[in-house]
Amino acid sequence: MKKNTTKDDLTLKEKLLYSLIGIGIVGGGIFFGKKLVLKGVANREEKKSFEDGTPATFAKQIKMAFDNDGWWGTDTEKLRSTLREIPSKQVFLKVQESYKKLYNSNMITDMSDELQTTEYNEMLQIIAQKPDKTGGKPSSPTLVYDGWAKRLKAAFDKEYGFIPGTDEEAIKAVFNEMPTQKAFIMTGVFYKKLYATDMMTDLKSELEMWEYNDYLKIILSKPKG
């Protein structure tokens, strides 16, 4: 007659095997359970992205800029325009939270992976210039001038591979944001303090003559302030 196997009759090897199987089943259940929860969170957040101007919409637009329709690199113009539309640092934090829910990834980390150092610095300065809260007190002129100066320097320092270049669209974005000729002059003052060089001299050296004249027209079309 066959003897029934009890727990005490199991060898040490068998006990370890059964323990590992149990851990595997439990671990697998936790893994797939977590995956389902994350998917549910992402689906709920996705529904919010159909409304214009929501943190979820901004988060999705940022991810689309990273993906660039499957082309190599990041659509920096799309990323720049999206970040410029975010009204405050408060909303930007909500965009980061929404991005995490949608893609289970850190937006700032992804941004640093997608961009060159100069591009990354430019994007951070766009956020740094924003007011703390939507509809709240605007950022101080000092912060804004400082941010424009840093963004222009980042545009001047742009590289294409190992070839030095200039990010003309980044320059144009800054010039379009400046409300007055006085703001342009003050940005030059801050640029000089930061980099011990003249902003206009650097601008001339970075652009072709016809480009330089076209960019100056943007500034000259503004009120003196």
Protein backbone atom coordinates (compact mmCIF):
# COMPACT_ATOMS: atom_id res chain seq x y z
CA MET A 1 0.00 0.00 0.00
CA LYS A 2 1.38 3.44 -1.09
CA LYS A 3 2.23 5.74 1.76
CA ASN A 4 0.66 9.23 1.67
CA THR A 5 3.24 12.04 1.43
CA THR A 6 2.96 14.58 4.22
CA LYS A 7 4.64 17.94 4.64
CA ASP A 8 7.12 16.34 7.04
CA ASP A 9 8.04 13.74 4.43
CA LEU A 10 9.11 16.37 1.85
CA THR A 11 12.80 16.76 1.26
CA LEU A 12 14.48 20.13 1.68
CA LYS A 13 14.85 20.36 -2.10
CA GLU A 14 11.13 19.75 -2.62
CA LYS A 15 10.20 22.34 0.01
CA LEU A 16 12.38 24.95 -1.68
CA LEU A 17 10.88 24.11 -5.08
CA TYR A 18 7.32 24.48 -3.84
CA SER A 19 8.20 27.74 -2.10
CA LEU A 20 9.67 29.19 -5.29
CA ILE A 21 6.62 28.14 -7.28
CA GLY A 22 4.39 29.83 -4.71
CA ILE A 23 6.45 33.01 -4.81
CA GLY A 24 6.33 32.96 -8.61
CA ILE A 25 2.55 32.66 -8.66
CA VAL A 26 2.09 35.44 -6.12
CA GLY A 27 4.70 37.65 -7.81
CA GLY A 28 3.14 37.11 -11.22
CA GLY A 29 -0.27 37.99 -9.84
CA ILE A 30 1.08 41.20 -8.32
CA PHE A 31 2.86 42.10 -11.57
CA PHE A 32 -0.18 41.63 -13.78
CA GLY A 33 -2.43 43.23 -11.18
CA LYS A 34 -0.20 46.30 -11.09
CA LYS A 35 -0.14 46.39 -14.89
CA LEU A 36 -3.94 46.37 -15.02
CA VAL A 37 -4.15 49.16 -12.43
CA LEU A 38 -1.67 51.31 -14.39
CA LYS A 39 -3.58 50.67 -17.59
CA GLY A 40 -6.82 51.72 -15.91
CA VAL A 41 -5.20 54.92 -14.62
CA ALA A 42 -3.82 55.68 -18.09
CA ASN A 43 -7.21 55.08 -19.73
CA ARG A 44 -8.97 57.44 -17.32
CA GLU A 45 -6.30 60.11 -17.87
CA GLU A 46 -6.49 59.62 -21.64
CA LYS A 47 -10.14 60.69 -21.62
CA LYS A 48 -9.12 64.04 -20.12
CA SER A 49 -6.76 64.74 -23.04
CA PHE A 50 -9.64 65.39 -25.46
CA GLU A 51 -10.34 68.75 -23.82
CA ASP A 52 -8.14 71.63 -24.93
CA GLY A 53 -5.85 73.19 -22.32
CA THR A 54 -5.99 70.42 -19.70
CA PRO A 55 -2.83 69.01 -18.07
CA ALA A 56 -3.56 65.68 -19.81
CA THR A 57 -3.71 67.42 -23.19
CA PHE A 58 -0.41 69.18 -22.59
CA ALA A 59 1.16 65.91 -21.40
CA LYS A 60 0.01 64.09 -24.54
CA GLN A 61 1.28 66.86 -26.80
CA ILE A 62 4.68 66.71 -25.08
CA LYS A 63 4.84 62.93 -25.60
CA MET A 64 3.87 63.38 -29.25
CA ALA A 65 6.72 65.88 -29.62
CA PHE A 66 9.12 63.30 -28.16
CA ASP A 67 7.82 60.61 -30.54
CA ASN A 68 7.91 62.99 -33.55
CA ASP A 69 5.55 60.81 -35.64
CA GLY A 70 8.13 58.03 -35.66
CA TRP A 71 10.88 60.18 -37.15
CA TRP A 72 14.32 60.30 -35.55
CA GLY A 73 14.75 62.95 -32.87
CA THR A 74 12.30 65.23 -31.09
CA ASP A 75 10.01 67.84 -32.60
CA THR A 76 11.55 70.71 -30.62
CA GLU A 77 9.30 73.34 -32.22
CA LYS A 78 6.19 71.44 -31.09
CA LEU A 79 7.67 70.90 -27.63
CA ARG A 80 8.59 74.60 -27.34
CA SER A 81 5.15 75.81 -28.42
CA THR A 82 3.43 73.40 -26.01
CA LEU A 83 5.54 74.52 -23.05
CA ARG A 84 4.91 78.16 -23.94
CA GLU A 85 1.15 77.52 -23.78
CA ILE A 86 1.29 76.15 -20.23
CA PRO A 87 0.10 79.12 -18.14
CA SER A 88 1.96 78.61 -14.85
CA LYS A 89 4.38 76.50 -12.82
CA GLN A 90 1.36 75.15 -10.93
CA VAL A 91 -0.15 73.76 -14.15
CA PHE A 92 3.26 72.44 -15.24
CA LEU A 93 3.41 70.30 -12.10
CA LYS A 94 -0.04 68.92 -12.95
CA VAL A 95 1.20 68.16 -16.47
CA GLN A 96 4.05 66.12 -14.98
CA GLU A 97 1.57 64.19 -12.84
CA SER A 98 -0.67 63.54 -15.84
CA TYR A 99 2.31 62.39 -17.94
CA LYS A 100 3.22 59.89 -15.21
CA LYS A 101 -0.34 58.51 -15.22
CA LEU A 102 -0.47 58.28 -19.00
CA TYR A 103 2.94 56.77 -19.68
CA ASN A 104 4.24 55.54 -16.30
CA SER A 105 7.39 57.58 -16.88
CA ASN A 106 9.00 60.74 -15.54
CA MET A 107 8.49 63.62 -17.98
CA ILE A 108 11.59 65.60 -16.96
CA THR A 109 13.78 62.50 -17.26
CA ASP A 110 12.34 61.76 -20.70
CA MET A 111 12.91 65.38 -21.72
CA SER A 112 16.55 65.27 -20.67
CA ASP A 113 17.00 62.04 -22.66
CA GLU A 114 15.35 63.51 -25.77
CA LEU A 115 17.12 66.87 -25.95
CA GLN A 116 20.58 68.32 -26.28
CA THR A 117 21.83 70.18 -23.23
CA THR A 118 21.18 73.58 -24.85
CA GLU A 119 17.64 72.56 -25.85
CA TYR A 120 16.92 71.15 -22.40
CA ASN A 121 18.15 74.36 -20.75
CA GLU A 122 15.95 76.43 -23.05
CA MET A 123 12.84 74.40 -22.20
CA LEU A 124 13.50 74.68 -18.46
CA GLN A 125 13.88 78.46 -18.78
CA ILE A 126 10.50 78.67 -20.53
CA ILE A 127 8.93 77.13 -17.42
CA ALA A 128 11.07 79.16 -15.02
CA GLN A 129 9.74 82.41 -16.52
CA LYS A 130 6.11 81.52 -15.83
CA PRO A 131 4.13 82.82 -12.83
CA ASP A 132 3.73 80.46 -9.89
CA LYS A 133 -0.05 80.22 -10.25
CA THR A 134 -2.47 80.71 -13.13
CA GLY A 135 -4.01 84.15 -12.91
CA GLY A 136 -1.66 85.06 -10.08
CA LYS A 137 1.07 87.63 -9.82
CA PRO A 138 3.23 87.71 -12.99
CA SER A 139 6.89 86.76 -12.76
CA SER A 140 9.21 89.64 -11.93
CA PRO A 141 10.82 91.47 -14.89
CA THR A 142 14.22 90.42 -13.55
CA LEU A 143 13.30 86.74 -13.82
CA VAL A 144 11.86 87.22 -17.29
CA TYR A 145 14.87 89.15 -18.66
CA ASP A 146 17.22 86.60 -17.13
CA GLY A 147 15.24 83.77 -18.76
CA TRP A 148 15.22 85.39 -22.20
CA ALA A 149 18.98 85.97 -22.01
CA LYS A 150 19.61 82.32 -21.10
CA ARG A 151 17.30 81.09 -23.84
CA LEU A 152 19.08 83.20 -26.44
CA LYS A 153 22.47 81.89 -25.31
CA ALA A 154 21.16 78.33 -25.55
CA ALA A 155 19.96 79.09 -29.10
CA PHE A 156 23.39 80.46 -30.03
CA ASP A 157 25.14 77.38 -28.59
CA LYS A 158 23.01 74.86 -30.50
CA GLU A 159 24.92 72.06 -32.23
CA TYR A 160 23.93 69.73 -35.07
CA GLY A 161 25.94 66.64 -34.30
CA PHE A 162 29.47 67.96 -33.90
CA ILE A 163 28.79 71.01 -36.07
CA PRO A 164 28.14 74.34 -34.31
CA GLY A 165 24.88 75.94 -35.36
CA THR A 166 22.08 78.25 -34.32
CA ASP A 167 18.50 77.51 -33.30
CA GLU A 168 16.74 80.25 -35.29
CA GLU A 169 13.26 79.17 -34.17
CA ALA A 170 14.30 79.51 -30.52
CA ILE A 171 15.53 83.06 -31.17
CA LYS A 172 12.32 83.95 -32.98
CA ALA A 173 10.24 82.56 -30.09
CA VAL A 174 12.05 84.82 -27.61
CA PHE A 175 11.77 87.89 -29.85
CA ASN A 176 8.04 87.28 -30.34
CA GLU A 177 7.52 87.06 -26.58
CA MET A 178 9.18 90.39 -25.90
CA PRO A 179 6.41 93.01 -25.61
CA THR A 180 8.56 96.11 -26.13
CA GLN A 181 11.88 97.39 -27.42
CA LYS A 182 12.78 98.18 -23.81
CA ALA A 183 12.40 94.50 -22.93
CA PHE A 184 14.89 93.67 -25.70
CA ILE A 185 17.37 96.23 -24.38
CA MET A 186 17.02 94.96 -20.80
CA THR A 187 17.56 91.40 -21.95
CA GLY A 188 20.82 92.57 -23.53
CA VAL A 189 21.85 94.06 -20.17
CA PHE A 190 21.25 90.75 -18.41
CA TYR A 191 23.00 88.85 -21.22
CA LYS A 192 26.09 91.02 -20.72
CA LYS A 193 26.08 90.35 -16.96
CA LEU A 194 25.67 86.59 -17.45
CA TYR A 195 28.14 85.97 -20.26
CA ALA A 196 30.43 89.04 -20.34
CA THR A 197 29.74 89.52 -24.04
CA ASP A 198 27.44 91.72 -26.12
CA MET A 199 24.15 90.15 -27.16
CA MET A 200 23.92 92.07 -30.44
CA THR A 201 27.47 91.07 -31.40
CA ASP A 202 26.68 87.41 -30.74
CA LEU A 203 23.41 87.71 -32.64
CA LYS A 204 25.19 89.13 -35.69
CA SER A 205 27.80 86.36 -35.61
CA GLU A 206 25.12 83.65 -35.41
CA LEU A 207 22.89 84.85 -38.27
CA GLU A 208 23.23 85.65 -41.93
CA MET A 209 22.83 89.36 -42.68
CA TRP A 210 19.36 88.91 -44.19
CA GLU A 211 18.30 86.83 -41.17
CA TYR A 212 19.69 89.43 -38.79
CA ASN A 213 17.68 92.20 -40.46
CA ASP A 214 14.48 90.14 -40.43
CA TYR A 215 14.85 89.40 -36.72
CA LEU A 216 15.49 93.04 -35.90
CA LYS A 217 12.26 93.92 -37.72
CA ILE A 218 10.40 91.83 -35.13
CA ILE A 219 11.80 94.01 -32.35
CA LEU A 220 11.47 97.33 -34.21
CA SER A 221 7.78 96.60 -34.87
CA LYS A 222 7.11 96.66 -31.12
CA PRO A 223 6.35 99.74 -29.02
CA LYS A 224 9.32 101.36 -27.28
CA GLY A 225 7.78 100.61 -23.89
